């Protein structure tokens, strides 16, 4: 019989839901709020190049909120991608969720599958 491995889980602190969800999904302390803020800043800079009227970050705020785009970009480091559950082509994931690697669901009802 193989030994049981402990499950990594971060307890919620502040509003760092994205950080805790990513680290729990990846089963380790991979991302800090600073790491995610750097990703958000890079995304913000790219968005400002497209639309110079953007004055406030859409990817993070002072409360610890990070956008789903930050989560998607963070997971690219591990060659993982996010597929929003409402997109066409995810019917198999809806039909057989047990075949998926992981799910992240946010409080606004938007779900994604990997």
PDB file of N, CA and C in Angstrom:
ATOM      1  N   UNK A   1       0.838  -1.168   0.000  1.00  0.00           N
ATOM      2  CA  UNK A   1       0.000   0.000   0.000  1.00  0.00           C
ATOM      3  C   UNK A   1       0.891   1.242   0.000  1.00  0.00           C
ATOM      4  N   UNK A   2       0.593   2.213  -0.880  1.00  0.00           N
ATOM      5  CA  UNK A   2       1.413   3.420  -0.945  1.00  0.00           C
ATOM      6  C   UNK A   2       1.032   4.380   0.181  1.00  0.00           C
ATOM      7  N   UNK A   3       2.011   5.170   0.645  1.00  0.00           N
ATOM      8  CA  UNK A   3       1.720   6.111   1.737  1.00  0.00           C
ATOM      9  C   UNK A   3       0.778   7.217   1.256  1.00  0.00           C
ATOM     10  N   UNK A   4      -0.035   7.712   2.156  1.00  0.00           N
ATOM     11  CA  UNK A   4      -0.948   8.798   1.848  1.00  0.00           C
ATOM     12  C   UNK A   4      -0.191  10.118   1.931  1.00  0.00           C
ATOM     13  N   UNK A   5      -0.285  10.898   0.886  1.00  0.00           N
ATOM     14  CA  UNK A   5       0.371  12.195   0.873  1.00  0.00           C
ATOM     15  C   UNK A   5      -0.563  13.247   1.444  1.00  0.00           C
ATOM     16  N   UNK A   6      -0.022  14.195   2.206  1.00  0.00           N
ATOM     17  CA  UNK A   6      -0.883  15.259   2.735  1.00  0.00           C
ATOM     18  C   UNK A   6      -1.372  16.160   1.605  1.00  0.00           C
ATOM     19  N   UNK A   7      -2.536  16.715   1.779  1.00  0.00           N
ATOM     20  CA  UNK A   7      -3.097  17.635   0.800  1.00  0.00           C
ATOM     21  C   UNK A   7      -2.728  19.050   1.226  1.00  0.00           C
ATOM     22  N   UNK A   8      -2.125  19.804   0.304  1.00  0.00           N
ATOM     23  CA  UNK A   8      -1.748  21.188   0.579  1.00  0.00           C
ATOM     24  C   UNK A   8      -2.981  22.067   0.483  1.00  0.00           C
ATOM     25  N   UNK A   9      -3.195  22.886   1.490  1.00  0.00           N
ATOM     26  CA  UNK A   9      -4.333  23.813   1.485  1.00  0.00           C
ATOM     27  C   UNK A   9      -3.935  25.073   2.214  1.00  0.00           C
ATOM     28  N   UNK A  10      -4.209  26.214   1.605  1.00  0.00           N
ATOM     29  CA  UNK A  10      -3.951  27.496   2.252  1.00  0.00           C
ATOM     30  C   UNK A  10      -5.252  28.035   2.829  1.00  0.00           C
ATOM     31  N   UNK A  11      -5.174  28.511   4.048  1.00  0.00           N
ATOM     32  CA  UNK A  11      -6.339  29.155   4.659  1.00  0.00           C
ATOM     33  C   UNK A  11      -6.456  30.566   4.104  1.00  0.00           C
ATOM     34  N   UNK A  12      -7.669  30.999   3.920  1.00  0.00           N
ATOM     35  CA  UNK A  12      -7.936  32.315   3.354  1.00  0.00           C
ATOM     36  C   UNK A  12      -7.398  33.419   4.253  1.00  0.00           C
ATOM     37  N   UNK A  13      -6.654  34.351   3.642  1.00  0.00           N
ATOM     38  CA  UNK A  13      -6.255  35.561   4.343  1.00  0.00           C
ATOM     39  C   UNK A  13      -6.515  36.727   3.410  1.00  0.00           C
ATOM     40  N   UNK A  14      -7.024  37.808   3.970  1.00  0.00           N
ATOM     41  CA  UNK A  14      -7.421  38.973   3.178  1.00  0.00           C
ATOM     42  C   UNK A  14      -8.363  38.510   2.073  1.00  0.00           C
ATOM     43  N   UNK A  15      -8.213  39.099   0.910  1.00  0.00           N
ATOM     44  CA  UNK A  15      -9.029  38.688  -0.239  1.00  0.00           C
ATOM     45  C   UNK A  15      -8.132  38.065  -1.286  1.00  0.00           C
ATOM     46  N   UNK A  16      -7.155  37.328  -0.867  1.00  0.00           N
ATOM     47  CA  UNK A  16      -6.179  36.740  -1.784  1.00  0.00           C
ATOM     48  C   UNK A  16      -6.672  35.407  -2.342  1.00  0.00           C
ATOM     49  N   UNK A  17      -7.914  35.385  -2.786  1.00  0.00           N
ATOM     50  CA  UNK A  17      -8.526  34.155  -3.293  1.00  0.00           C
ATOM     51  C   UNK A  17      -7.718  33.540  -4.434  1.00  0.00           C
ATOM     52  N   UNK A  18      -7.264  34.379  -5.356  1.00  0.00           N
ATOM     53  CA  UNK A  18      -6.516  33.867  -6.512  1.00  0.00           C
ATOM     54  C   UNK A  18      -5.233  33.178  -6.065  1.00  0.00           C
ATOM     55  N   UNK A  19      -4.505  33.802  -5.149  1.00  0.00           N
ATOM     56  CA  UNK A  19      -3.264  33.211  -4.646  1.00  0.00           C
ATOM     57  C   UNK A  19      -3.542  31.865  -3.984  1.00  0.00           C
ATOM     58  N   UNK A  20      -4.543  31.826  -3.124  1.00  0.00           N
ATOM     59  CA  UNK A  20      -4.848  30.587  -2.415  1.00  0.00           C
ATOM     60  C   UNK A  20      -5.364  29.504  -3.358  1.00  0.00           C
ATOM     61  N   UNK A  21      -6.181  29.892  -4.322  1.00  0.00           N
ATOM     62  CA  UNK A  21      -6.703  28.918  -5.287  1.00  0.00           C
ATOM     63  C   UNK A  21      -5.571  28.332  -6.126  1.00  0.00           C
ATOM     64  N   UNK A  22      -4.671  29.189  -6.600  1.00  0.00           N
ATOM     65  CA  UNK A  22      -3.543  28.706  -7.408  1.00  0.00           C
ATOM     66  C   UNK A  22      -2.650  27.760  -6.612  1.00  0.00           C
ATOM     67  N   UNK A  23      -2.279  28.159  -5.405  1.00  0.00           N
ATOM     68  CA  UNK A  23      -1.375  27.332  -4.608  1.00  0.00           C
ATOM     69  C   UNK A  23      -2.024  26.017  -4.193  1.00  0.00           C
ATOM     70  N   UNK A  24      -3.305  26.042  -3.900  1.00  0.00           N
ATOM     71  CA  UNK A  24      -4.001  24.804  -3.560  1.00  0.00           C
ATOM     72  C   UNK A  24      -4.102  23.910  -4.791  1.00  0.00           C
ATOM     73  N   UNK A  25      -4.424  24.500  -5.935  1.00  0.00           N
ATOM     74  CA  UNK A  25      -4.492  23.739  -7.180  1.00  0.00           C
ATOM     75  C   UNK A  25      -3.154  23.079  -7.497  1.00  0.00           C
ATOM     76  N   UNK A  26      -2.074  23.831  -7.338  1.00  0.00           N
ATOM     77  CA  UNK A  26      -0.733  23.339  -7.673  1.00  0.00           C
ATOM     78  C   UNK A  26      -0.104  22.539  -6.534  1.00  0.00           C
ATOM     79  N   UNK A  27      -0.754  22.521  -5.380  1.00  0.00           N
ATOM     80  CA  UNK A  27      -0.304  21.760  -4.211  1.00  0.00           C
ATOM     81  C   UNK A  27       1.064  22.205  -3.697  1.00  0.00           C
ATOM     82  N   UNK A  28       1.224  23.520  -3.544  1.00  0.00           N
ATOM     83  CA  UNK A  28       2.452  24.051  -2.970  1.00  0.00           C
ATOM     84  C   UNK A  28       2.421  25.563  -2.902  1.00  0.00           C
ATOM     85  N   UNK A  29       3.400  26.120  -2.240  1.00  0.00           N
ATOM     86  CA  UNK A  29       3.508  27.564  -2.067  1.00  0.00           C
ATOM     87  C   UNK A  29       4.232  28.162  -3.276  1.00  0.00           C
ATOM     88  N   UNK A  30       3.534  28.232  -4.414  1.00  0.00           N
ATOM     89  CA  UNK A  30       4.148  28.667  -5.661  1.00  0.00           C
ATOM     90  C   UNK A  30       4.026  30.160  -5.924  1.00  0.00           C
ATOM     91  N   UNK A  31       2.923  30.767  -5.536  1.00  0.00           N
ATOM     92  CA  UNK A  31       2.673  32.171  -5.850  1.00  0.00           C
ATOM     93  C   UNK A  31       2.399  32.969  -4.587  1.00  0.00           C
ATOM     94  N   UNK A  32       3.028  34.141  -4.521  1.00  0.00           N
ATOM     95  CA  UNK A  32       2.751  35.096  -3.449  1.00  0.00           C
ATOM     96  C   UNK A  32       1.906  36.223  -4.037  1.00  0.00           C
ATOM     97  N   UNK A  33       1.396  37.085  -3.170  1.00  0.00           N
ATOM     98  CA  UNK A  33       0.649  38.249  -3.654  1.00  0.00           C
ATOM     99  C   UNK A  33       1.559  39.137  -4.506  1.00  0.00           C
ATOM    100  N   UNK A  34       2.830  39.196  -4.155  1.00  0.00           N
ATOM    101  CA  UNK A  34       3.785  40.002  -4.929  1.00  0.00           C
ATOM    102  C   UNK A  34       3.954  39.425  -6.334  1.00  0.00           C
ATOM    103  N   UNK A  35       4.056  38.106  -6.437  1.00  0.00           N
ATOM    104  CA  UNK A  35       4.166  37.463  -7.758  1.00  0.00           C
ATOM    105  C   UNK A  35       2.957  37.795  -8.625  1.00  0.00           C
ATOM    106  N   UNK A  36       1.773  37.679  -8.037  1.00  0.00           N
ATOM    107  CA  UNK A  36       0.554  37.940  -8.801  1.00  0.00           C
ATOM    108  C   UNK A  36       0.433  39.419  -9.156  1.00  0.00           C
ATOM    109  N   UNK A  37       0.884  40.295  -8.266  1.00  0.00           N
ATOM    110  CA  UNK A  37       0.860  41.737  -8.556  1.00  0.00           C
ATOM    111  C   UNK A  37       1.770  42.061  -9.739  1.00  0.00           C
ATOM    112  N   UNK A  38       2.895  41.378  -9.841  1.00  0.00           N
ATOM    113  CA  UNK A  38       3.795  41.599 -10.981  1.00  0.00           C
ATOM    114  C   UNK A  38       3.142  41.151 -12.283  1.00  0.00           C
ATOM    115  N   UNK A  39       2.449  40.031 -12.237  1.00  0.00           N
ATOM    116  CA  UNK A  39       1.725  39.558 -13.426  1.00  0.00           C
ATOM    117  C   UNK A  39       0.638  40.567 -13.797  1.00  0.00           C
ATOM    118  N   UNK A  40      -0.104  41.043 -12.796  1.00  0.00           N
ATOM    119  CA  UNK A  40      -1.170  42.021 -13.037  1.00  0.00           C
ATOM    120  C   UNK A  40      -0.605  43.298 -13.648  1.00  0.00           C
ATOM    121  N   UNK A  41       0.536  43.750 -13.141  1.00  0.00           N
ATOM    122  CA  UNK A  41       1.152  44.970 -13.661  1.00  0.00           C
ATOM    123  C   UNK A  41       1.535  44.797 -15.131  1.00  0.00           C
ATOM    124  N   UNK A  42       2.089  43.646 -15.474  1.00  0.00           N
ATOM    125  CA  UNK A  42       2.450  43.369 -16.864  1.00  0.00           C
ATOM    126  C   UNK A  42       1.209  43.375 -17.754  1.00  0.00           C
ATOM    127  N   UNK A  43       0.135  42.746 -17.287  1.00  0.00           N
ATOM    128  CA  UNK A  43      -1.118  42.751 -18.050  1.00  0.00           C
ATOM    129  C   UNK A  43      -1.658  44.169 -18.199  1.00  0.00           C
ATOM    130  N   UNK A  44      -1.597  44.951 -17.110  1.00  0.00           N
ATOM    131  CA  UNK A  44      -2.069  46.339 -17.161  1.00  0.00           C
ATOM    132  C   UNK A  44      -1.296  47.146 -18.192  1.00  0.00           C
ATOM    133  N   UNK A  45       0.023  46.974 -18.219  1.00  0.00           N
ATOM    134  CA  UNK A  45       0.853  47.707 -19.179  1.00  0.00           C
ATOM    135  C   UNK A  45       0.469  47.358 -20.610  1.00  0.00           C
ATOM    136  N   UNK A  46       0.210  46.081 -20.872  1.00  0.00           N
ATOM    137  CA  UNK A  46      -0.222  45.667 -22.202  1.00  0.00           C
ATOM    138  C   UNK A  46      -1.572  46.251 -22.570  1.00  0.00           C
ATOM    139  N   UNK A  47      -2.478  46.309 -21.599  1.00  0.00           N
ATOM    140  CA  UNK A  47      -3.800  46.876 -21.852  1.00  0.00           C
ATOM    141  C   UNK A  47      -3.718  48.382 -22.114  1.00  0.00           C
ATOM    142  N   UNK A  48      -2.819  49.070 -21.398  1.00  0.00           N
ATOM    143  CA  UNK A  48      -2.649  50.519 -21.613  1.00  0.00           C
ATOM    144  C   UNK A  48      -2.070  50.816 -22.986  1.00  0.00           C
ATOM    145  N   UNK A  49      -1.269  49.912 -23.517  1.00  0.00           N
ATOM    146  CA  UNK A  49      -0.738  50.103 -24.871  1.00  0.00           C
ATOM    147  C   UNK A  49      -1.861  50.061 -25.901  1.00  0.00           C
ATOM    148  N   UNK A  50      -2.870  49.273 -25.620  1.00  0.00           N
ATOM    149  CA  UNK A  50      -4.011  49.146 -26.530  1.00  0.00           C
ATOM    150  C   UNK A  50      -4.992  50.299 -26.336  1.00  0.00           C
ATOM    151  N   UNK A  51      -5.230  50.673 -25.069  1.00  0.00           N
ATOM    152  CA  UNK A  51      -6.186  51.732 -24.750  1.00  0.00           C
ATOM    153  C   UNK A  51      -5.573  52.661 -23.711  1.00  0.00           C
ATOM    154  N   UNK A  52      -5.068  53.799 -24.159  1.00  0.00           N
ATOM    155  CA  UNK A  52      -4.381  54.719 -23.247  1.00  0.00           C
ATOM    156  C   UNK A  52      -5.329  55.461 -22.304  1.00  0.00           C
ATOM    157  N   UNK A  53      -6.629  55.226 -22.420  1.00  0.00           N
ATOM    158  CA  UNK A  53      -7.603  55.852 -21.516  1.00  0.00           C
ATOM    159  C   UNK A  53      -7.744  55.073 -20.204  1.00  0.00           C
ATOM    160  N   UNK A  54      -7.177  53.883 -20.140  1.00  0.00           N
ATOM    161  CA  UNK A  54      -7.243  53.082 -18.918  1.00  0.00           C
ATOM    162  C   UNK A  54      -6.354  53.736 -17.867  1.00  0.00           C
ATOM    163  N   UNK A  55      -6.951  54.085 -16.742  1.00  0.00           N
ATOM    164  CA  UNK A  55      -6.192  54.752 -15.681  1.00  0.00           C
ATOM    165  C   UNK A  55      -6.075  53.904 -14.417  1.00  0.00           C
ATOM    166  N   UNK A  56      -6.932  52.911 -14.297  1.00  0.00           N
ATOM    167  CA  UNK A  56      -6.950  52.079 -13.097  1.00  0.00           C
ATOM    168  C   UNK A  56      -6.814  50.613 -13.485  1.00  0.00           C
ATOM    169  N   UNK A  57      -6.083  49.865 -12.687  1.00  0.00           N
ATOM    170  CA  UNK A  57      -5.876  48.448 -12.975  1.00  0.00           C
ATOM    171  C   UNK A  57      -7.192  47.685 -12.991  1.00  0.00           C
ATOM    172  N   UNK A  58      -7.347  46.864 -13.994  1.00  0.00           N
ATOM    173  CA  UNK A  58      -8.487  45.951 -14.077  1.00  0.00           C
ATOM    174  C   UNK A  58      -8.090  44.556 -13.587  1.00  0.00           C
ATOM    175  N   UNK A  59      -6.816  44.393 -13.241  1.00  0.00           N
ATOM    176  CA  UNK A  59      -6.284  43.078 -12.906  1.00  0.00           C
ATOM    177  C   UNK A  59      -5.950  42.879 -11.441  1.00  0.00           C
ATOM    178  N   UNK A  60      -5.996  43.945 -10.639  1.00  0.00           N
ATOM    179  CA  UNK A  60      -5.760  43.831  -9.198  1.00  0.00           C
ATOM    180  C   UNK A  60      -6.250  45.093  -8.517  1.00  0.00           C
ATOM    181  N   UNK A  61      -6.454  44.962  -7.209  1.00  0.00           N
ATOM    182  CA  UNK A  61      -6.744  46.142  -6.412  1.00  0.00           C
ATOM    183  C   UNK A  61      -6.074  45.997  -5.047  1.00  0.00           C
ATOM    184  N   UNK A  62      -6.211  47.005  -4.220  1.00  0.00           N
ATOM    185  CA  UNK A  62      -5.529  47.024  -2.925  1.00  0.00           C
ATOM    186  C   UNK A  62      -6.088  46.015  -1.926  1.00  0.00           C
ATOM    187  N   UNK A  63      -7.246  45.440  -2.209  1.00  0.00           N
ATOM    188  CA  UNK A  63      -7.856  44.489  -1.267  1.00  0.00           C
ATOM    189  C   UNK A  63      -7.299  43.075  -1.397  1.00  0.00           C
ATOM    190  N   UNK A  64      -6.509  42.820  -2.449  1.00  0.00           N
ATOM    191  CA  UNK A  64      -5.996  41.477  -2.683  1.00  0.00           C
ATOM    192  C   UNK A  64      -6.697  40.760  -3.815  1.00  0.00           C
ATOM    193  N   UNK A  65      -7.608  41.455  -4.495  1.00  0.00           N
ATOM    194  CA  UNK A  65      -8.305  40.887  -5.653  1.00  0.00           C
ATOM    195  C   UNK A  65      -7.353  40.812  -6.845  1.00  0.00           C
ATOM    196  N   UNK A  66      -7.378  39.683  -7.554  1.00  0.00           N
ATOM    197  CA  UNK A  66      -6.670  39.533  -8.820  1.00  0.00           C
ATOM    198  C   UNK A  66      -7.658  38.982  -9.837  1.00  0.00           C
ATOM    199  N   UNK A  67      -7.571  39.454 -11.069  1.00  0.00           N
ATOM    200  CA  UNK A  67      -8.510  39.050 -12.119  1.00  0.00           C
ATOM    201  C   UNK A  67      -8.251  37.613 -12.576  1.00  0.00           C
ATOM    202  N   UNK A  68      -9.232  37.082 -13.287  1.00  0.00           N
ATOM    203  CA  UNK A  68      -9.067  35.741 -13.850  1.00  0.00           C
ATOM    204  C   UNK A  68      -7.935  35.722 -14.877  1.00  0.00           C
ATOM    205  N   UNK A  69      -7.667  36.861 -15.517  1.00  0.00           N
ATOM    206  CA  UNK A  69      -6.561  36.929 -16.468  1.00  0.00           C
ATOM    207  C   UNK A  69      -5.222  36.705 -15.763  1.00  0.00           C
ATOM    208  N   UNK A  70      -5.099  37.183 -14.529  1.00  0.00           N
ATOM    209  CA  UNK A  70      -3.879  36.963 -13.749  1.00  0.00           C
ATOM    210  C   UNK A  70      -3.718  35.470 -13.458  1.00  0.00           C
ATOM    211  N   UNK A  71      -4.807  34.820 -13.093  1.00  0.00           N
ATOM    212  CA  UNK A  71      -4.770  33.373 -12.829  1.00  0.00           C
ATOM    213  C   UNK A  71      -4.338  32.627 -14.095  1.00  0.00           C
ATOM    214  N   UNK A  72      -4.927  32.989 -15.216  1.00  0.00           N
ATOM    215  CA  UNK A  72      -4.591  32.322 -16.479  1.00  0.00           C
ATOM    216  C   UNK A  72      -3.114  32.491 -16.815  1.00  0.00           C
ATOM    217  N   UNK A  73      -2.604  33.715 -16.668  1.00  0.00           N
ATOM    218  CA  UNK A  73      -1.201  33.986 -16.988  1.00  0.00           C
ATOM    219  C   UNK A  73      -0.280  33.251 -16.016  1.00  0.00           C
ATOM    220  N   UNK A  74      -0.640  33.182 -14.752  1.00  0.00           N
ATOM    221  CA  UNK A  74       0.176  32.477 -13.760  1.00  0.00           C
ATOM    222  C   UNK A  74       0.278  30.995 -14.104  1.00  0.00           C
ATOM    223  N   UNK A  75      -0.803  30.389 -14.531  1.00  0.00           N
ATOM    224  CA  UNK A  75      -0.799  28.959 -14.842  1.00  0.00           C
ATOM    225  C   UNK A  75      -0.011  28.623 -16.101  1.00  0.00           C
ATOM    226  N   UNK A  76       0.184  29.606 -16.971  1.00  0.00           N
ATOM    227  CA  UNK A  76       0.989  29.367 -18.176  1.00  0.00           C
ATOM    228  C   UNK A  76       2.411  28.939 -17.825  1.00  0.00           C
ATOM    229  N   UNK A  77       2.912  29.372 -16.659  1.00  0.00           N
ATOM    230  CA  UNK A  77       4.256  28.984 -16.198  1.00  0.00           C
ATOM    231  C   UNK A  77       4.366  27.459 -16.100  1.00  0.00           C
ATOM    232  N   UNK A  78       3.262  26.804 -15.807  1.00  0.00           N
ATOM    233  CA  UNK A  78       3.226  25.352 -15.636  1.00  0.00           C
ATOM    234  C   UNK A  78       2.619  24.644 -16.842  1.00  0.00           C
ATOM    235  N   UNK A  79       2.527  25.349 -17.963  1.00  0.00           N
ATOM    236  CA  UNK A  79       1.911  24.800 -19.179  1.00  0.00           C
ATOM    237  C   UNK A  79       0.474  24.341 -18.946  1.00  0.00           C
ATOM    238  N   UNK A  80      -0.221  25.049 -18.085  1.00  0.00           N
ATOM    239  CA  UNK A  80      -1.635  24.783 -17.831  1.00  0.00           C
ATOM    240  C   UNK A  80      -2.444  25.919 -18.425  1.00  0.00           C
ATOM    241  N   UNK A  81      -3.613  25.599 -18.915  1.00  0.00           N
ATOM    242  CA  UNK A  81      -4.474  26.637 -19.470  1.00  0.00           C
ATOM    243  C   UNK A  81      -5.847  26.559 -18.834  1.00  0.00           C
ATOM    244  N   UNK A  82      -6.509  27.676 -18.846  1.00  0.00           N
ATOM    245  CA  UNK A  82      -7.850  27.790 -18.278  1.00  0.00           C
ATOM    246  C   UNK A  82      -8.839  27.837 -19.427  1.00  0.00           C
ATOM    247  N   UNK A  83      -9.877  27.064 -19.304  1.00  0.00           N
ATOM    248  CA  UNK A  83     -10.949  27.074 -20.295  1.00  0.00           C
ATOM    249  C   UNK A  83     -12.234  27.439 -19.565  1.00  0.00           C
ATOM    250  N   UNK A  84     -12.772  28.645 -19.777  1.00  0.00           N
ATOM    251  CA  UNK A  84     -14.031  29.003 -19.119  1.00  0.00           C
ATOM    252  C   UNK A  84     -15.125  28.002 -19.471  1.00  0.00           C
ATOM    253  N   UNK A  85     -15.853  27.570 -18.476  1.00  0.00           N
ATOM    254  CA  UNK A  85     -16.850  26.507 -18.641  1.00  0.00           C
ATOM    255  C   UNK A  85     -17.981  26.918 -19.592  1.00  0.00           C
ATOM    256  N   UNK A  86     -18.166  28.208 -19.807  1.00  0.00           N
ATOM    257  CA  UNK A  86     -19.218  28.673 -20.712  1.00  0.00           C
ATOM    258  C   UNK A  86     -18.803  28.724 -22.168  1.00  0.00           C
ATOM    259  N   UNK A  87     -17.545  28.467 -22.460  1.00  0.00           N
ATOM    260  CA  UNK A  87     -17.044  28.519 -23.837  1.00  0.00           C
ATOM    261  C   UNK A  87     -17.495  27.291 -24.624  1.00  0.00           C
ATOM    262  N   UNK A  88     -17.672  27.449 -25.935  1.00  0.00           N
ATOM    263  CA  UNK A  88     -17.957  26.274 -26.766  1.00  0.00           C
ATOM    264  C   UNK A  88     -16.789  25.292 -26.707  1.00  0.00           C
ATOM    265  N   UNK A  89     -17.083  24.032 -26.815  1.00  0.00           N
ATOM    266  CA  UNK A  89     -16.034  23.018 -26.834  1.00  0.00           C
ATOM    267  C   UNK A  89     -15.743  22.381 -25.486  1.00  0.00           C
ATOM    268  N   UNK A  90     -16.469  22.769 -24.461  1.00  0.00           N
ATOM    269  CA  UNK A  90     -16.224  22.162 -23.142  1.00  0.00           C
ATOM    270  C   UNK A  90     -17.364  21.215 -22.727  1.00  0.00           C
ATOM    271  N   UNK A  91     -18.126  20.786 -23.698  1.00  0.00           N
ATOM    272  CA  UNK A  91     -19.246  19.896 -23.402  1.00  0.00           C
ATOM    273  C   UNK A  91     -18.781  18.606 -22.724  1.00  0.00           C
ATOM    274  N   UNK A  92     -17.624  18.081 -23.167  1.00  0.00           N
ATOM    275  CA  UNK A  92     -17.098  16.856 -22.550  1.00  0.00           C
ATOM    276  C   UNK A  92     -16.797  17.066 -21.070  1.00  0.00           C
ATOM    277  N   UNK A  93     -16.246  18.213 -20.739  1.00  0.00           N
ATOM    278  CA  UNK A  93     -15.933  18.518 -19.333  1.00  0.00           C
ATOM    279  C   UNK A  93     -17.203  18.602 -18.505  1.00  0.00           C
ATOM    280  N   UNK A  94     -18.251  19.119 -19.088  1.00  0.00           N
ATOM    281  CA  UNK A  94     -19.527  19.202 -18.370  1.00  0.00           C
ATOM    282  C   UNK A  94     -20.139  17.820 -18.190  1.00  0.00           C
ATOM    283  N   UNK A  95     -20.013  17.002 -19.220  1.00  0.00           N
ATOM    284  CA  UNK A  95     -20.598  15.661 -19.206  1.00  0.00           C
ATOM    285  C   UNK A  95     -19.823  14.718 -18.284  1.00  0.00           C
ATOM    286  N   UNK A  96     -18.486  14.821 -18.306  1.00  0.00           N
ATOM    287  CA  UNK A  96     -17.634  13.914 -17.531  1.00  0.00           C
ATOM    288  C   UNK A  96     -16.588  14.715 -16.754  1.00  0.00           C
ATOM    289  N   UNK A  97     -17.015  15.454 -15.742  1.00  0.00           N
ATOM    290  CA  UNK A  97     -16.067  16.287 -14.997  1.00  0.00           C
ATOM    291  C   UNK A  97     -14.958  15.480 -14.322  1.00  0.00           C
ATOM    292  N   UNK A  98     -15.202  14.205 -14.091  1.00  0.00           N
ATOM    293  CA  UNK A  98     -14.169  13.367 -13.452  1.00  0.00           C
ATOM    294  C   UNK A  98     -12.938  13.171 -14.340  1.00  0.00           C
ATOM    295  N   UNK A  99     -13.057  13.474 -15.631  1.00  0.00           N
ATOM    296  CA  UNK A  99     -11.913  13.346 -16.534  1.00  0.00           C
ATOM    297  C   UNK A  99     -11.023  14.591 -16.540  1.00  0.00           C
ATOM    298  N   UNK A 100     -11.459  15.662 -15.879  1.00  0.00           N
ATOM    299  CA  UNK A 100     -10.693  16.906 -15.855  1.00  0.00           C
ATOM    300  C   UNK A 100      -9.646  16.865 -14.752  1.00  0.00           C
ATOM    301  N   UNK A 101      -8.617  17.672 -14.899  1.00  0.00           N
ATOM    302  CA  UNK A 101      -7.529  17.722 -13.923  1.00  0.00           C
ATOM    303  C   UNK A 101      -7.948  18.515 -12.696  1.00  0.00           C
ATOM    304  N   UNK A 102      -8.597  19.653 -12.898  1.00  0.00           N
ATOM    305  CA  UNK A 102      -8.975  20.510 -11.778  1.00  0.00           C
ATOM    306  C   UNK A 102     -10.030  21.513 -12.209  1.00  0.00           C
ATOM    307  N   UNK A 103     -10.656  22.112 -11.213  1.00  0.00           N
ATOM    308  CA  UNK A 103     -11.633  23.177 -11.432  1.00  0.00           C
ATOM    309  C   UNK A 103     -11.346  24.316 -10.473  1.00  0.00           C
ATOM    310  N   UNK A 104     -11.613  25.524 -10.928  1.00  0.00           N
ATOM    311  CA  UNK A 104     -11.624  26.689 -10.050  1.00  0.00           C
ATOM    312  C   UNK A 104     -12.990  27.332 -10.257  1.00  0.00           C
ATOM    313  N   UNK A 105     -13.673  27.628  -9.177  1.00  0.00           N
ATOM    314  CA  UNK A 105     -14.959  28.318  -9.252  1.00  0.00           C
ATOM    315  C   UNK A 105     -14.866  29.573  -8.402  1.00  0.00           C
ATOM    316  N   UNK A 106     -15.354  30.698  -8.929  1.00  0.00           N
ATOM    317  CA  UNK A 106     -15.338  31.900  -8.105  1.00  0.00           C
ATOM    318  C   UNK A 106     -16.724  32.222  -7.592  1.00  0.00           C
ATOM    319  N   UNK A 107     -16.788  33.117  -6.653  1.00  0.00           N
ATOM    320  CA  UNK A 107     -18.055  33.431  -5.983  1.00  0.00           C
ATOM    321  C   UNK A 107     -19.083  34.088  -6.889  1.00  0.00           C
ATOM    322  N   UNK A 108     -18.690  34.568  -8.051  1.00  0.00           N
ATOM    323  CA  UNK A 108     -19.623  35.197  -8.959  1.00  0.00           C
ATOM    324  C   UNK A 108     -20.261  34.176  -9.899  1.00  0.00           C
ATOM    325  N   UNK A 109     -19.958  32.899  -9.688  1.00  0.00           N
ATOM    326  CA  UNK A 109     -20.599  31.865 -10.476  1.00  0.00           C
ATOM    327  C   UNK A 109     -19.885  31.532 -11.777  1.00  0.00           C
ATOM    328  N   UNK A 110     -18.725  32.129 -12.027  1.00  0.00           N
ATOM    329  CA  UNK A 110     -17.976  31.833 -13.240  1.00  0.00           C
ATOM    330  C   UNK A 110     -17.040  30.681 -12.923  1.00  0.00           C
ATOM    331  N   UNK A 111     -17.124  29.600 -13.675  1.00  0.00           N
ATOM    332  CA  UNK A 111     -16.308  28.427 -13.417  1.00  0.00           C
ATOM    333  C   UNK A 111     -15.350  28.189 -14.584  1.00  0.00           C
ATOM    334  N   UNK A 112     -14.217  27.636 -14.269  1.00  0.00           N
ATOM    335  CA  UNK A 112     -13.244  27.290 -15.299  1.00  0.00           C
ATOM    336  C   UNK A 112     -12.745  25.878 -15.056  1.00  0.00           C
ATOM    337  N   UNK A 113     -12.305  25.221 -16.115  1.00  0.00           N
ATOM    338  CA  UNK A 113     -11.774  23.881 -16.023  1.00  0.00           C
ATOM    339  C   UNK A 113     -10.381  23.850 -16.656  1.00  0.00           C
ATOM    340  N   UNK A 114      -9.543  22.921 -16.234  1.00  0.00           N
ATOM    341  CA  UNK A 114      -8.188  22.791 -16.762  1.00  0.00           C
ATOM    342  C   UNK A 114      -8.053  21.465 -17.466  1.00  0.00           C
TER     343      UNK A 114
END
